[in-house]
Amino acid sequence: DYRWIEAVLVDEPWHRGRVMVVGDAAHACPPLIAQGAAMCMEDAVLLAELVTGDQPVERALGDFMTRRLPRVRMVLENSLRLAEWEIHPGTPGVDPARIMSETLQSLTAAA
């Protein structure tokens, strides 16, 4: 019995003033790629790096979203594609192995 897990991707700024949302509060996705915890850890590491740097906090928080959004969007979109295929396995072009491979290659590629 597969139950849909709602996806979240906040497309507007993830911060207001000095308050920031990260992890599942900013980008939650179905667990089909098993990257939820990894995405949260990446958020924490990058956020710590940026706010302890030389730039003003407001700029650091804006830079954080700019750097994270493409990566988390890719994971979310691929997770949703896999979830859709889980619900409708007869969909033409279903290839979970390809999506997993492409996603993991993208996640492990040098920045």
PDB file of N, CA and C in Angstrom:
ATOM      1  N   ASP A   1       0.851  -1.184   0.000  1.00  0.00           N
ATOM      2  CA  ASP A   1       0.000   0.000   0.000  1.00  0.00           C
ATOM      3  C   ASP A   1       0.887   1.235   0.000  1.00  0.00           C
ATOM      4  N   TYR A   2       1.002   1.858  -1.127  1.00  0.00           N
ATOM      5  CA  TYR A   2       1.836   3.048  -1.243  1.00  0.00           C
ATOM      6  C   TYR A   2       1.002   4.276  -0.941  1.00  0.00           C
ATOM      7  N   ARG A   3       1.443   5.065  -0.006  1.00  0.00           N
ATOM      8  CA  ARG A   3       0.762   6.319   0.324  1.00  0.00           C
ATOM      9  C   ARG A   3       1.663   7.462  -0.105  1.00  0.00           C
ATOM     10  N   TRP A   4       1.074   8.422  -0.788  1.00  0.00           N
ATOM     11  CA  TRP A   4       1.821   9.557  -1.299  1.00  0.00           C
ATOM     12  C   TRP A   4       2.434  10.354  -0.163  1.00  0.00           C
ATOM     13  N   ILE A   5       3.661  10.720  -0.320  1.00  0.00           N
ATOM     14  CA  ILE A   5       4.349  11.595   0.623  1.00  0.00           C
ATOM     15  C   ILE A   5       4.458  12.944  -0.057  1.00  0.00           C
ATOM     16  N   GLU A   6       3.917  13.950   0.582  1.00  0.00           N
ATOM     17  CA  GLU A   6       3.917  15.276  -0.028  1.00  0.00           C
ATOM     18  C   GLU A   6       5.334  15.810  -0.167  1.00  0.00           C
ATOM     19  N   ALA A   7       5.579  16.433  -1.284  1.00  0.00           N
ATOM     20  CA  ALA A   7       6.873  17.058  -1.532  1.00  0.00           C
ATOM     21  C   ALA A   7       6.776  18.551  -1.245  1.00  0.00           C
ATOM     22  N   VAL A   8       7.882  19.114  -0.814  1.00  0.00           N
ATOM     23  CA  VAL A   8       7.941  20.545  -0.525  1.00  0.00           C
ATOM     24  C   VAL A   8       9.195  21.106  -1.177  1.00  0.00           C
ATOM     25  N   LEU A   9       9.042  22.197  -1.891  1.00  0.00           N
ATOM     26  CA  LEU A   9      10.193  22.946  -2.381  1.00  0.00           C
ATOM     27  C   LEU A   9       9.821  24.418  -2.314  1.00  0.00           C
ATOM     28  N   VAL A  10      10.410  25.105  -1.381  1.00  0.00           N
ATOM     29  CA  VAL A  10      10.149  26.529  -1.218  1.00  0.00           C
ATOM     30  C   VAL A  10      10.967  27.263  -2.272  1.00  0.00           C
ATOM     31  N   ASP A  11      10.274  27.894  -3.220  1.00  0.00           N
ATOM     32  CA  ASP A  11      10.960  28.597  -4.305  1.00  0.00           C
ATOM     33  C   ASP A  11      11.258  30.053  -3.981  1.00  0.00           C
ATOM     34  N   GLU A  12      10.692  30.544  -2.903  1.00  0.00           N
ATOM     35  CA  GLU A  12      10.975  31.923  -2.513  1.00  0.00           C
ATOM     36  C   GLU A  12      12.135  31.912  -1.528  1.00  0.00           C
ATOM     37  N   PRO A  13      12.632  33.030  -1.137  1.00  0.00           N
ATOM     38  CA  PRO A  13      13.796  33.018  -0.233  1.00  0.00           C
ATOM     39  C   PRO A  13      13.576  32.130   0.994  1.00  0.00           C
ATOM     40  N   TRP A  14      14.605  31.382   1.327  1.00  0.00           N
ATOM     41  CA  TRP A  14      14.551  30.488   2.483  1.00  0.00           C
ATOM     42  C   TRP A  14      14.876  31.232   3.770  1.00  0.00           C
ATOM     43  N   HIS A  15      15.071  32.527   3.659  1.00  0.00           N
ATOM     44  CA  HIS A  15      15.373  33.306   4.864  1.00  0.00           C
ATOM     45  C   HIS A  15      14.609  34.622   4.852  1.00  0.00           C
ATOM     46  N   ARG A  16      14.398  35.102   6.034  1.00  0.00           N
ATOM     47  CA  ARG A  16      13.842  36.443   6.224  1.00  0.00           C
ATOM     48  C   ARG A  16      14.619  37.034   7.387  1.00  0.00           C
ATOM     49  N   GLY A  17      15.290  38.121   7.114  1.00  0.00           N
ATOM     50  CA  GLY A  17      16.169  38.676   8.137  1.00  0.00           C
ATOM     51  C   GLY A  17      17.266  37.674   8.439  1.00  0.00           C
ATOM     52  N   ARG A  18      17.417  37.332   9.708  1.00  0.00           N
ATOM     53  CA  ARG A  18      18.448  36.379  10.121  1.00  0.00           C
ATOM     54  C   ARG A  18      17.873  34.996  10.419  1.00  0.00           C
ATOM     55  N   VAL A  19      16.630  34.754   9.996  1.00  0.00           N
ATOM     56  CA  VAL A  19      15.973  33.463  10.228  1.00  0.00           C
ATOM     57  C   VAL A  19      15.976  32.674   8.922  1.00  0.00           C
ATOM     58  N   MET A  20      16.371  31.409   9.012  1.00  0.00           N
ATOM     59  CA  MET A  20      16.550  30.576   7.821  1.00  0.00           C
ATOM     60  C   MET A  20      15.837  29.246   8.008  1.00  0.00           C
ATOM     61  N   VAL A  21      15.205  28.734   6.954  1.00  0.00           N
ATOM     62  CA  VAL A  21      14.699  27.359   6.979  1.00  0.00           C
ATOM     63  C   VAL A  21      15.640  26.510   6.132  1.00  0.00           C
ATOM     64  N   VAL A  22      15.899  25.311   6.594  1.00  0.00           N
ATOM     65  CA  VAL A  22      16.780  24.395   5.879  1.00  0.00           C
ATOM     66  C   VAL A  22      16.179  23.000   5.944  1.00  0.00           C
ATOM     67  N   GLY A  23      16.810  22.068   5.283  1.00  0.00           N
ATOM     68  CA  GLY A  23      16.371  20.677   5.341  1.00  0.00           C
ATOM     69  C   GLY A  23      14.951  20.518   4.832  1.00  0.00           C
ATOM     70  N   ASP A  24      14.196  19.627   5.476  1.00  0.00           N
ATOM     71  CA  ASP A  24      12.840  19.329   5.032  1.00  0.00           C
ATOM     72  C   ASP A  24      11.907  20.528   5.105  1.00  0.00           C
ATOM     73  N   ALA A  25      12.210  21.514   5.920  1.00  0.00           N
ATOM     74  CA  ALA A  25      11.373  22.720   5.973  1.00  0.00           C
ATOM     75  C   ALA A  25      11.457  23.496   4.664  1.00  0.00           C
ATOM     76  N   ALA A  26      12.555  23.377   3.958  1.00  0.00           N
ATOM     77  CA  ALA A  26      12.752  24.086   2.692  1.00  0.00           C
ATOM     78  C   ALA A  26      12.585  23.175   1.478  1.00  0.00           C
ATOM     79  N   HIS A  27      12.902  21.882   1.663  1.00  0.00           N
ATOM     80  CA  HIS A  27      12.893  20.963   0.507  1.00  0.00           C
ATOM     81  C   HIS A  27      12.743  19.521   0.966  1.00  0.00           C
ATOM     82  N   ALA A  28      11.507  19.089   1.124  1.00  0.00           N
ATOM     83  CA  ALA A  28      11.225  17.702   1.517  1.00  0.00           C
ATOM     84  C   ALA A  28      10.786  16.919   0.286  1.00  0.00           C
ATOM     85  N   CYS A  29      11.214  15.676   0.211  1.00  0.00           N
ATOM     86  CA  CYS A  29      10.839  14.874  -0.951  1.00  0.00           C
ATOM     87  C   CYS A  29      10.563  13.433  -0.533  1.00  0.00           C
ATOM     88  N   PRO A  30       9.889  12.678  -1.419  1.00  0.00           N
ATOM     89  CA  PRO A  30       9.678  11.260  -1.135  1.00  0.00           C
ATOM     90  C   PRO A  30      11.031  10.569  -0.943  1.00  0.00           C
ATOM     91  N   PRO A  31      11.069   9.499  -0.159  1.00  0.00           N
ATOM     92  CA  PRO A  31      12.341   8.867   0.204  1.00  0.00           C
ATOM     93  C   PRO A  31      12.900   7.887  -0.822  1.00  0.00           C
ATOM     94  N   LEU A  32      12.504   7.980  -2.066  1.00  0.00           N
ATOM     95  CA  LEU A  32      12.898   6.973  -3.042  1.00  0.00           C
ATOM     96  C   LEU A  32      14.356   7.019  -3.451  1.00  0.00           C
ATOM     97  N   ILE A  33      15.035   8.120  -3.242  1.00  0.00           N
ATOM     98  CA  ILE A  33      16.460   8.214  -3.574  1.00  0.00           C
ATOM     99  C   ILE A  33      17.299   8.153  -2.297  1.00  0.00           C
ATOM    100  N   ALA A  34      16.645   8.163  -1.155  1.00  0.00           N
ATOM    101  CA  ALA A  34      17.323   8.068   0.146  1.00  0.00           C
ATOM    102  C   ALA A  34      18.349   9.182   0.333  1.00  0.00           C
ATOM    103  N   GLN A  35      17.966  10.399  -0.046  1.00  0.00           N
ATOM    104  CA  GLN A  35      18.888  11.529   0.073  1.00  0.00           C
ATOM    105  C   GLN A  35      18.416  12.592   1.062  1.00  0.00           C
ATOM    106  N   GLY A  36      17.297  12.391   1.735  1.00  0.00           N
ATOM    107  CA  GLY A  36      16.764  13.404   2.640  1.00  0.00           C
ATOM    108  C   GLY A  36      17.746  13.821   3.717  1.00  0.00           C
ATOM    109  N   ALA A  37      18.288  12.869   4.439  1.00  0.00           N
ATOM    110  CA  ALA A  37      19.245  13.185   5.511  1.00  0.00           C
ATOM    111  C   ALA A  37      20.525  13.784   4.937  1.00  0.00           C
ATOM    112  N   ALA A  38      20.967  13.274   3.803  1.00  0.00           N
ATOM    113  CA  ALA A  38      22.178  13.813   3.177  1.00  0.00           C
ATOM    114  C   ALA A  38      21.975  15.268   2.771  1.00  0.00           C
ATOM    115  N   MET A  39      20.802  15.577   2.217  1.00  0.00           N
ATOM    116  CA  MET A  39      20.515  16.963   1.824  1.00  0.00           C
ATOM    117  C   MET A  39      20.521  17.884   3.050  1.00  0.00           C
ATOM    118  N   CYS A  40      19.973  17.403   4.160  1.00  0.00           N
ATOM    119  CA  CYS A  40      19.967  18.199   5.402  1.00  0.00           C
ATOM    120  C   CYS A  40      21.385  18.433   5.908  1.00  0.00           C
ATOM    121  N   MET A  41      22.219  17.408   5.844  1.00  0.00           N
ATOM    122  CA  MET A  41      23.608  17.559   6.285  1.00  0.00           C
ATOM    123  C   MET A  41      24.362  18.522   5.372  1.00  0.00           C
ATOM    124  N   GLU A  42      24.139  18.424   4.079  1.00  0.00           N
ATOM    125  CA  GLU A  42      24.774  19.363   3.155  1.00  0.00           C
ATOM    126  C   GLU A  42      24.340  20.789   3.471  1.00  0.00           C
ATOM    127  N   ASP A  43      23.045  20.967   3.758  1.00  0.00           N
ATOM    128  CA  ASP A  43      22.554  22.295   4.147  1.00  0.00           C
ATOM    129  C   ASP A  43      23.332  22.815   5.347  1.00  0.00           C
ATOM    130  N   ALA A  44      23.452  21.981   6.374  1.00  0.00           N
ATOM    131  CA  ALA A  44      24.108  22.408   7.612  1.00  0.00           C
ATOM    132  C   ALA A  44      25.569  22.791   7.377  1.00  0.00           C
ATOM    133  N   VAL A  45      26.278  21.974   6.619  1.00  0.00           N
ATOM    134  CA  VAL A  45      27.699  22.237   6.368  1.00  0.00           C
ATOM    135  C   VAL A  45      27.878  23.530   5.574  1.00  0.00           C
ATOM    136  N   LEU A  46      27.115  23.691   4.504  1.00  0.00           N
ATOM    137  CA  LEU A  46      27.255  24.894   3.685  1.00  0.00           C
ATOM    138  C   LEU A  46      26.820  26.138   4.455  1.00  0.00           C
ATOM    139  N   LEU A  47      25.729  26.052   5.188  1.00  0.00           N
ATOM    140  CA  LEU A  47      25.261  27.205   5.953  1.00  0.00           C
ATOM    141  C   LEU A  47      26.302  27.633   6.979  1.00  0.00           C
ATOM    142  N   ALA A  48      26.883  26.675   7.683  1.00  0.00           N
ATOM    143  CA  ALA A  48      27.927  26.997   8.665  1.00  0.00           C
ATOM    144  C   ALA A  48      29.123  27.654   7.985  1.00  0.00           C
ATOM    145  N   GLU A  49      29.507  27.121   6.842  1.00  0.00           N
ATOM    146  CA  GLU A  49      30.642  27.685   6.097  1.00  0.00           C
ATOM    147  C   GLU A  49      30.361  29.134   5.693  1.00  0.00           C
ATOM    148  N   LEU A  50      29.163  29.389   5.200  1.00  0.00           N
ATOM    149  CA  LEU A  50      28.835  30.727   4.704  1.00  0.00           C
ATOM    150  C   LEU A  50      28.669  31.759   5.815  1.00  0.00           C
ATOM    151  N   VAL A  51      27.983  31.389   6.899  1.00  0.00           N
ATOM    152  CA  VAL A  51      27.733  32.398   7.948  1.00  0.00           C
ATOM    153  C   VAL A  51      28.957  32.665   8.810  1.00  0.00           C
ATOM    154  N   THR A  52      29.955  31.798   8.748  1.00  0.00           N
ATOM    155  CA  THR A  52      31.189  32.063   9.497  1.00  0.00           C
ATOM    156  C   THR A  52      32.257  32.698   8.619  1.00  0.00           C
ATOM    157  N   GLY A  53      31.897  32.983   7.381  1.00  0.00           N
ATOM    158  CA  GLY A  53      32.828  33.625   6.455  1.00  0.00           C
ATOM    159  C   GLY A  53      32.865  35.127   6.663  1.00  0.00           C
ATOM    160  N   ASP A  54      33.482  35.813   5.724  1.00  0.00           N
ATOM    161  CA  ASP A  54      33.687  37.258   5.823  1.00  0.00           C
ATOM    162  C   ASP A  54      32.508  38.100   5.357  1.00  0.00           C
ATOM    163  N   GLN A  55      31.561  37.514   4.642  1.00  0.00           N
ATOM    164  CA  GLN A  55      30.467  38.318   4.097  1.00  0.00           C
ATOM    165  C   GLN A  55      29.369  38.564   5.134  1.00  0.00           C
ATOM    166  N   PRO A  56      28.571  39.612   4.948  1.00  0.00           N
ATOM    167  CA  PRO A  56      27.461  39.881   5.868  1.00  0.00           C
ATOM    168  C   PRO A  56      26.475  38.704   5.889  1.00  0.00           C
ATOM    169  N   VAL A  57      25.826  38.499   7.020  1.00  0.00           N
ATOM    170  CA  VAL A  57      24.919  37.362   7.186  1.00  0.00           C
ATOM    171  C   VAL A  57      23.819  37.366   6.131  1.00  0.00           C
ATOM    172  N   GLU A  58      23.199  38.515   5.865  1.00  0.00           N
ATOM    173  CA  GLU A  58      22.132  38.583   4.857  1.00  0.00           C
ATOM    174  C   GLU A  58      22.612  38.052   3.504  1.00  0.00           C
ATOM    175  N   ARG A  59      23.799  38.440   3.108  1.00  0.00           N
ATOM    176  CA  ARG A  59      24.338  37.979   1.825  1.00  0.00           C
ATOM    177  C   ARG A  59      24.643  36.484   1.891  1.00  0.00           C
ATOM    178  N   ALA A  60      25.185  36.034   2.997  1.00  0.00           N
ATOM    179  CA  ALA A  60      25.492  34.608   3.161  1.00  0.00           C
ATOM    180  C   ALA A  60      24.222  33.769   3.032  1.00  0.00           C
ATOM    181  N   LEU A  61      23.131  34.230   3.633  1.00  0.00           N
ATOM    182  CA  LEU A  61      21.880  33.478   3.569  1.00  0.00           C
ATOM    183  C   LEU A  61      21.322  33.454   2.147  1.00  0.00           C
ATOM    184  N   GLY A  62      21.445  34.551   1.430  1.00  0.00           N
ATOM    185  CA  GLY A  62      21.024  34.575   0.030  1.00  0.00           C
ATOM    186  C   GLY A  62      21.878  33.666  -0.835  1.00  0.00           C
ATOM    187  N   ASP A  63      23.179  33.686  -0.602  1.00  0.00           N
ATOM    188  CA  ASP A  63      24.094  32.817  -1.345  1.00  0.00           C
ATOM    189  C   ASP A  63      23.793  31.346  -1.078  1.00  0.00           C
ATOM    190  N   PHE A  64      23.402  31.045   0.150  1.00  0.00           N
ATOM    191  CA  PHE A  64      23.078  29.672   0.523  1.00  0.00           C
ATOM    192  C   PHE A  64      21.976  29.121  -0.384  1.00  0.00           C
ATOM    193  N   MET A  65      20.885  29.861  -0.509  1.00  0.00           N
ATOM    194  CA  MET A  65      19.781  29.375  -1.334  1.00  0.00           C
ATOM    195  C   MET A  65      20.195  29.276  -2.799  1.00  0.00           C
ATOM    196  N   THR A  66      20.926  30.253  -3.276  1.00  0.00           N
ATOM    197  CA  THR A  66      21.384  30.243  -4.666  1.00  0.00           C
ATOM    198  C   THR A  66      22.207  28.993  -4.960  1.00  0.00           C
ATOM    199  N   ARG A  67      23.049  28.606  -4.028  1.00  0.00           N
ATOM    200  CA  ARG A  67      23.904  27.435  -4.233  1.00  0.00           C
ATOM    201  C   ARG A  67      23.157  26.123  -4.038  1.00  0.00           C
ATOM    202  N   ARG A  68      22.192  26.086  -3.132  1.00  0.00           N
ATOM    203  CA  ARG A  68      21.509  24.833  -2.814  1.00  0.00           C
ATOM    204  C   ARG A  68      20.335  24.510  -3.734  1.00  0.00           C
ATOM    205  N   LEU A  69      19.630  25.519  -4.200  1.00  0.00           N
ATOM    206  CA  LEU A  69      18.381  25.279  -4.922  1.00  0.00           C
ATOM    207  C   LEU A  69      18.518  24.345  -6.126  1.00  0.00           C
ATOM    208  N   PRO A  70      19.479  24.510  -7.014  1.00  0.00           N
ATOM    209  CA  PRO A  70      19.553  23.593  -8.165  1.00  0.00           C
ATOM    210  C   PRO A  70      19.747  22.129  -7.743  1.00  0.00           C
ATOM    211  N   ARG A  71      20.556  21.899  -6.756  1.00  0.00           N
ATOM    212  CA  ARG A  71      20.847  20.528  -6.308  1.00  0.00           C
ATOM    213  C   ARG A  71      19.626  19.888  -5.657  1.00  0.00           C
ATOM    214  N   VAL A  72      18.984  20.615  -4.745  1.00  0.00           N
ATOM    215  CA  VAL A  72      17.825  20.022  -4.076  1.00  0.00           C
ATOM    216  C   VAL A  72      16.653  19.883  -5.043  1.00  0.00           C
ATOM    217  N   ARG A  73      16.539  20.792  -6.012  1.00  0.00           N
ATOM    218  CA  ARG A  73      15.471  20.674  -7.016  1.00  0.00           C
ATOM    219  C   ARG A  73      15.672  19.397  -7.841  1.00  0.00           C
ATOM    220  N   MET A  74      16.903  19.103  -8.231  1.00  0.00           N
ATOM    221  CA  MET A  74      17.177  17.896  -9.007  1.00  0.00           C
ATOM    222  C   MET A  74      16.800  16.644  -8.208  1.00  0.00           C
ATOM    223  N   VAL A  75      17.178  16.586  -6.937  1.00  0.00           N
ATOM    224  CA  VAL A  75      16.846  15.432  -6.101  1.00  0.00           C
ATOM    225  C   VAL A  75      15.333  15.313  -5.947  1.00  0.00           C
ATOM    226  N   LEU A  76      14.670  16.420  -5.693  1.00  0.00           N
ATOM    227  CA  LEU A  76      13.220  16.406  -5.524  1.00  0.00           C
ATOM    228  C   LEU A  76      12.523  15.947  -6.801  1.00  0.00           C
ATOM    229  N   GLU A  77      12.885  16.512  -7.932  1.00  0.00           N
ATOM    230  CA  GLU A  77      12.240  16.137  -9.196  1.00  0.00           C
ATOM    231  C   GLU A  77      12.457  14.667  -9.528  1.00  0.00           C
ATOM    232  N   ASN A  78      13.654  14.165  -9.298  1.00  0.00           N
ATOM    233  CA  ASN A  78      13.915  12.755  -9.583  1.00  0.00           C
ATOM    234  C   ASN A  78      13.202  11.845  -8.597  1.00  0.00           C
ATOM    235  N   SER A  79      13.092  12.251  -7.343  1.00  0.00           N
ATOM    236  CA  SER A  79      12.331  11.480  -6.355  1.00  0.00           C
ATOM    237  C   SER A  79      10.858  11.421  -6.741  1.00  0.00           C
ATOM    238  N   LEU A  80      10.320  12.549  -7.183  1.00  0.00           N
ATOM    239  CA  LEU A  80       8.915  12.578  -7.606  1.00  0.00           C
ATOM    240  C   LEU A  80       8.688  11.711  -8.837  1.00  0.00           C
ATOM    241  N   ARG A  81       9.643  11.715  -9.758  1.00  0.00           N
ATOM    242  CA  ARG A  81       9.529  10.855 -10.945  1.00  0.00           C
ATOM    243  C   ARG A  81       9.507   9.383 -10.521  1.00  0.00           C
ATOM    244  N   LEU A  82      10.385   9.000  -9.611  1.00  0.00           N
ATOM    245  CA  LEU A  82      10.402   7.615  -9.129  1.00  0.00           C
ATOM    246  C   LEU A  82       9.111   7.274  -8.391  1.00  0.00           C
ATOM    247  N   ALA A  83       8.587   8.214  -7.612  1.00  0.00           N
ATOM    248  CA  ALA A  83       7.327   7.982  -6.897  1.00  0.00           C
ATOM    249  C   ALA A  83       6.183   7.777  -7.886  1.00  0.00           C
ATOM    250  N   GLU A  84       6.161   8.575  -8.931  1.00  0.00           N
ATOM    251  CA  GLU A  84       5.122   8.436  -9.962  1.00  0.00           C
ATOM    252  C   GLU A  84       5.222   7.064 -10.627  1.00  0.00           C
ATOM    253  N   TRP A  85       6.416   6.621 -10.919  1.00  0.00           N
ATOM    254  CA  TRP A  85       6.595   5.307 -11.521  1.00  0.00           C
ATOM    255  C   TRP A  85       6.217   4.193 -10.554  1.00  0.00           C
ATOM    256  N   GLU A  86       6.420   4.411  -9.270  1.00  0.00           N
ATOM    257  CA  GLU A  86       6.018   3.426  -8.261  1.00  0.00           C
ATOM    258  C   GLU A  86       4.501   3.254  -8.281  1.00  0.00           C
ATOM    259  N   ILE A  87       3.801   4.366  -8.437  1.00  0.00           N
ATOM    260  CA  ILE A  87       2.340   4.333  -8.452  1.00  0.00           C
ATOM    261  C   ILE A  87       1.824   3.791  -9.784  1.00  0.00           C
ATOM    262  N   HIS A  88       2.499   4.139 -10.887  1.00  0.00           N
ATOM    263  CA  HIS A  88       2.081   3.744 -12.237  1.00  0.00           C
ATOM    264  C   HIS A  88       3.240   3.040 -12.950  1.00  0.00           C
ATOM    265  N   PRO A  89       3.517   1.784 -12.592  1.00  0.00           N
ATOM    266  CA  PRO A  89       4.686   1.097 -13.144  1.00  0.00           C
ATOM    267  C   PRO A  89       4.637   0.862 -14.650  1.00  0.00           C
ATOM    268  N   GLY A  90       3.486   0.919 -15.272  1.00  0.00           N
ATOM    269  CA  GLY A  90       3.386   0.679 -16.712  1.00  0.00           C
ATOM    270  C   GLY A  90       3.617   1.920 -17.553  1.00  0.00           C
ATOM    271  N   THR A  91       3.992   3.014 -16.930  1.00  0.00           N
ATOM    272  CA  THR A  91       4.225   4.263 -17.655  1.00  0.00           C
ATOM    273  C   THR A  91       5.346   4.066 -18.680  1.00  0.00           C
ATOM    274  N   PRO A  92       5.117   4.506 -19.932  1.00  0.00           N
ATOM    275  CA  PRO A  92       6.184   4.381 -20.943  1.00  0.00           C
ATOM    276  C   PRO A  92       7.450   5.119 -20.501  1.00  0.00           C
ATOM    277  N   GLY A  93       8.581   4.505 -20.745  1.00  0.00           N
ATOM    278  CA  GLY A  93       9.860   5.130 -20.418  1.00  0.00           C
ATOM    279  C   GLY A  93      10.317   4.915 -18.989  1.00  0.00           C
ATOM    280  N   VAL A  94       9.598   4.098 -18.230  1.00  0.00           N
ATOM    281  CA  VAL A  94       9.978   3.850 -16.840  1.00  0.00           C
ATOM    282  C   VAL A  94      11.366   3.216 -16.800  1.00  0.00           C
ATOM    283  N   ASP A  95      12.278   3.863 -16.110  1.00  0.00           N
ATOM    284  CA  ASP A  95      13.642   3.350 -15.997  1.00  0.00           C
ATOM    285  C   ASP A  95      14.248   3.832 -14.678  1.00  0.00           C
ATOM    286  N   PRO A  96      13.810   3.254 -13.556  1.00  0.00           N
ATOM    287  CA  PRO A  96      14.308   3.693 -12.252  1.00  0.00           C
ATOM    288  C   PRO A  96      15.823   3.593 -12.117  1.00  0.00           C
ATOM    289  N   ALA A  97      16.423   2.569 -12.697  1.00  0.00           N
ATOM    290  CA  ALA A  97      17.876   2.410 -12.579  1.00  0.00           C
ATOM    291  C   ALA A  97      18.604   3.585 -13.225  1.00  0.00           C
ATOM    292  N   ARG A  98      18.101   4.047 -14.358  1.00  0.00           N
ATOM    293  CA  ARG A  98      18.726   5.183 -15.045  1.00  0.00           C
ATOM    294  C   ARG A  98      18.613   6.447 -14.195  1.00  0.00           C
ATOM    295  N   ILE A  99      17.429   6.698 -13.641  1.00  0.00           N
ATOM    296  CA  ILE A  99      17.235   7.898 -12.818  1.00  0.00           C
ATOM    297  C   ILE A  99      18.135   7.840 -11.586  1.00  0.00           C
ATOM    298  N   MET A 100      18.196   6.679 -10.938  1.00  0.00           N
ATOM    299  CA  MET A 100      19.063   6.540  -9.757  1.00  0.00           C
ATOM    300  C   MET A 100      20.518   6.773 -10.139  1.00  0.00           C
ATOM    301  N   SER A 101      20.950   6.180 -11.238  1.00  0.00           N
ATOM    302  CA  SER A 101      22.334   6.328 -11.673  1.00  0.00           C
ATOM    303  C   SER A 101      22.661   7.779 -12.000  1.00  0.00           C
ATOM    304  N   GLU A 102      21.802   8.430 -12.773  1.00  0.00           N
ATOM    305  CA  GLU A 102      22.037   9.832 -13.132  1.00  0.00           C
ATOM    306  C   GLU A 102      22.051  10.728 -11.897  1.00  0.00           C
ATOM    307  N   THR A 103      21.133  10.471 -10.975  1.00  0.00           N
ATOM    308  CA  THR A 103      21.066  11.284  -9.758  1.00  0.00           C
ATOM    309  C   THR A 103      22.330  11.114  -8.932  1.00  0.00           C
ATOM    310  N   LEU A 104      22.728   9.881  -8.706  1.00  0.00           N
ATOM    311  CA  LEU A 104      23.916   9.637  -7.888  1.00  0.00           C
ATOM    312  C   LEU A 104      25.181  10.153  -8.565  1.00  0.00           C
ATOM    313  N   GLN A 105      25.266  10.048  -9.887  1.00  0.00           N
ATOM    314  CA  GLN A 105      26.417  10.615 -10.597  1.00  0.00           C
ATOM    315  C   GLN A 105      26.453  12.127 -10.431  1.00  0.00           C
ATOM    316  N   SER A 106      25.304  12.751 -10.531  1.00  0.00           N
ATOM    317  CA  SER A 106      25.229  14.202 -10.363  1.00  0.00           C
ATOM    318  C   SER A 106      25.607  14.612  -8.940  1.00  0.00           C
ATOM    319  N   LEU A 107      25.147  13.842  -7.965  1.00  0.00           N
ATOM    320  CA  LEU A 107      25.432  14.172  -6.564  1.00  0.00           C
ATOM    321  C   LEU A 107      26.899  13.976  -6.199  1.00  0.00           C
ATOM    322  N   THR A 108      27.570  13.060  -6.872  1.00  0.00           N
ATOM    323  CA  THR A 108      28.965  12.784  -6.531  1.00  0.00           C
ATOM    324  C   THR A 108      29.961  13.482  -7.452  1.00  0.00           C
ATOM    325  N   ALA A 109      29.468  14.174  -8.467  1.00  0.00           N
ATOM    326  CA  ALA A 109      30.356  14.895  -9.386  1.00  0.00           C
ATOM    327  C   ALA A 109      31.015  16.067  -8.666  1.00  0.00           C
ATOM    328  N   ALA A 110      32.225  16.373  -9.060  1.00  0.00           N
ATOM    329  CA  ALA A 110      32.923  17.521  -8.474  1.00  0.00           C
ATOM    330  C   ALA A 110      32.181  18.797  -8.836  1.00  0.00           C
ATOM    331  N   ALA A 111      32.114  19.693  -7.877  1.00  0.00           N
ATOM    332  CA  ALA A 111      31.392  20.957  -8.106  1.00  0.00           C
ATOM    333  C   ALA A 111      32.224  21.896  -8.943  1.00  0.00           C
TER     334      ALA A 111
END
